[in-house]
Amino acid sequence: MITGMSWGALSYNAKVALAKGAAMVGSSNTTGDGGMLPAEREIDLLPRSLTQAIDCLEQDEVVKNALGATYAGYYIQTKREEWRRYHNSVSQWETDNYLGVY
């Protein structure tokens, strides 16, 4: 449960992600006096892939400043490599279900 805290210092994207997660599990999303503004409650869709999520992170100056430039760059690079490896892999499920078909 996310309560008793102010989201005032977080970026718009971070606020949206926290609000969506709290709403999905039926939890409170804020009781702080720095909570989301009414305009910020109009939630867009979450990123559809890890690539889109990383792109959003790369544009979020608040998160990058909180992590520090060096670690943020390392983290973003690591997640891009993780996505590349995942995207280029063939899962056991795919092998079991498609190898005999094609």
Protein backbone atom coordinates (compact mmCIF):
# COMPACT_ATOMS: atom_id res chain seq x y z
CA MET A 1 0.00 0.00 0.00
CA ILE A 2 1.36 3.41 -0.94
CA THR A 3 0.19 5.85 1.71
CA GLY A 4 1.42 8.66 3.84
CA MET A 5 3.87 9.92 1.25
CA SER A 6 4.14 12.79 -1.13
CA TRP A 7 4.74 12.18 -4.81
CA GLY A 8 5.55 15.82 -5.45
CA ALA A 9 9.23 15.21 -6.30
CA LEU A 10 8.62 12.32 -8.72
CA SER A 11 8.31 12.72 -12.45
CA TYR A 12 4.96 12.52 -14.19
CA ASN A 13 5.80 9.06 -15.61
CA ALA A 14 6.82 7.73 -12.19
CA LYS A 15 3.61 9.06 -10.63
CA VAL A 16 1.53 7.43 -13.35
CA ALA A 17 3.27 4.08 -12.95
CA LEU A 18 2.77 4.10 -9.16
CA ALA A 19 -0.87 5.13 -9.50
CA LYS A 20 -1.60 2.40 -12.05
CA GLY A 21 0.05 -0.24 -9.92
CA ALA A 22 -1.85 0.85 -6.81
CA ALA A 23 -5.14 0.98 -8.70
CA MET A 24 -4.59 -2.48 -10.18
CA VAL A 25 -4.22 -4.06 -6.74
CA GLY A 26 -6.99 -1.96 -5.19
CA SER A 27 -4.67 -0.02 -2.92
CA SER A 28 -4.52 3.61 -1.95
CA ASN A 29 -2.16 5.61 -4.11
CA THR A 30 -1.38 8.64 -1.94
CA THR A 31 -2.33 10.54 1.17
CA GLY A 32 0.44 13.11 0.98
CA ASP A 33 -0.16 16.74 0.28
CA GLY A 34 2.05 16.55 -2.82
CA GLY A 35 -0.08 13.93 -4.56
CA MET A 36 -1.10 13.76 -8.19
CA LEU A 37 -2.78 16.74 -9.74
CA PRO A 38 -6.16 16.13 -11.40
CA ALA A 39 -4.57 16.49 -14.86
CA GLU A 40 -1.95 13.90 -13.93
CA ARG A 41 -4.63 11.33 -13.17
CA GLU A 42 -5.44 11.01 -16.86
CA ILE A 43 -3.31 7.94 -17.31
CA ASP A 44 -1.89 6.92 -20.67
CA LEU A 45 -1.04 3.35 -21.53
CA LEU A 46 1.97 1.73 -19.97
CA PRO A 47 4.86 0.94 -22.29
CA ARG A 48 4.12 -2.18 -24.37
CA SER A 49 7.66 -3.53 -24.30
CA LEU A 50 10.85 -3.35 -22.33
CA THR A 51 12.29 -1.22 -25.15
CA GLN A 52 9.54 1.39 -24.75
CA ALA A 53 9.94 1.34 -20.95
CA ILE A 54 13.70 1.89 -21.28
CA ASP A 55 13.07 4.77 -23.70
CA CYS A 56 10.77 6.37 -21.10
CA LEU A 57 13.37 5.86 -18.37
CA GLU A 58 16.05 7.39 -20.56
CA GLN A 59 13.90 10.53 -20.92
CA ASP A 60 13.06 10.79 -17.19
CA GLU A 61 15.51 13.30 -15.71
CA VAL A 62 14.28 12.88 -12.13
CA VAL A 63 14.93 9.13 -12.10
CA LYS A 64 18.27 9.55 -13.89
CA ASN A 65 19.33 12.20 -11.38
CA ALA A 66 18.25 9.98 -8.49
CA LEU A 67 20.24 7.03 -9.83
CA GLY A 68 23.20 9.17 -10.86
CA ALA A 69 24.37 9.59 -14.44
CA THR A 70 26.90 6.75 -14.34
CA TYR A 71 24.57 4.13 -12.85
CA ALA A 72 21.57 5.27 -14.93
CA GLY A 73 23.63 4.88 -18.11
CA TYR A 74 24.84 1.44 -17.01
CA TYR A 75 21.32 0.32 -16.06
CA ILE A 76 19.81 1.52 -19.34
CA GLN A 77 22.57 -0.17 -21.35
CA THR A 78 22.12 -3.41 -19.36
CA LYS A 79 18.37 -3.44 -19.92
CA ARG A 80 18.80 -2.81 -23.67
CA GLU A 81 21.20 -5.76 -23.84
CA GLU A 82 18.78 -7.89 -21.80
CA TRP A 83 15.99 -7.09 -24.29
CA ARG A 84 18.26 -7.88 -27.25
CA ARG A 85 19.16 -11.28 -25.78
CA TYR A 86 15.52 -12.06 -24.95
CA HIS A 87 14.32 -10.96 -28.37
CA ASN A 88 16.90 -13.15 -30.13
CA SER A 89 16.21 -16.25 -28.04
CA VAL A 90 13.88 -19.16 -28.77
CA SER A 91 11.96 -20.39 -25.75
CA GLN A 92 11.30 -24.02 -24.92
CA TRP A 93 7.59 -23.36 -25.45
CA GLU A 94 8.25 -22.09 -28.98
CA THR A 95 10.43 -25.11 -29.73
CA ASP A 96 7.82 -27.54 -28.36
CA ASN A 97 4.92 -25.90 -30.20
CA TYR A 98 6.38 -24.82 -33.51
CA LEU A 99 9.37 -27.01 -34.39
CA GLY A 100 7.21 -29.82 -35.74
CA VAL A 101 4.79 -27.47 -37.49
CA TYR A 102 7.20 -25.58 -39.70
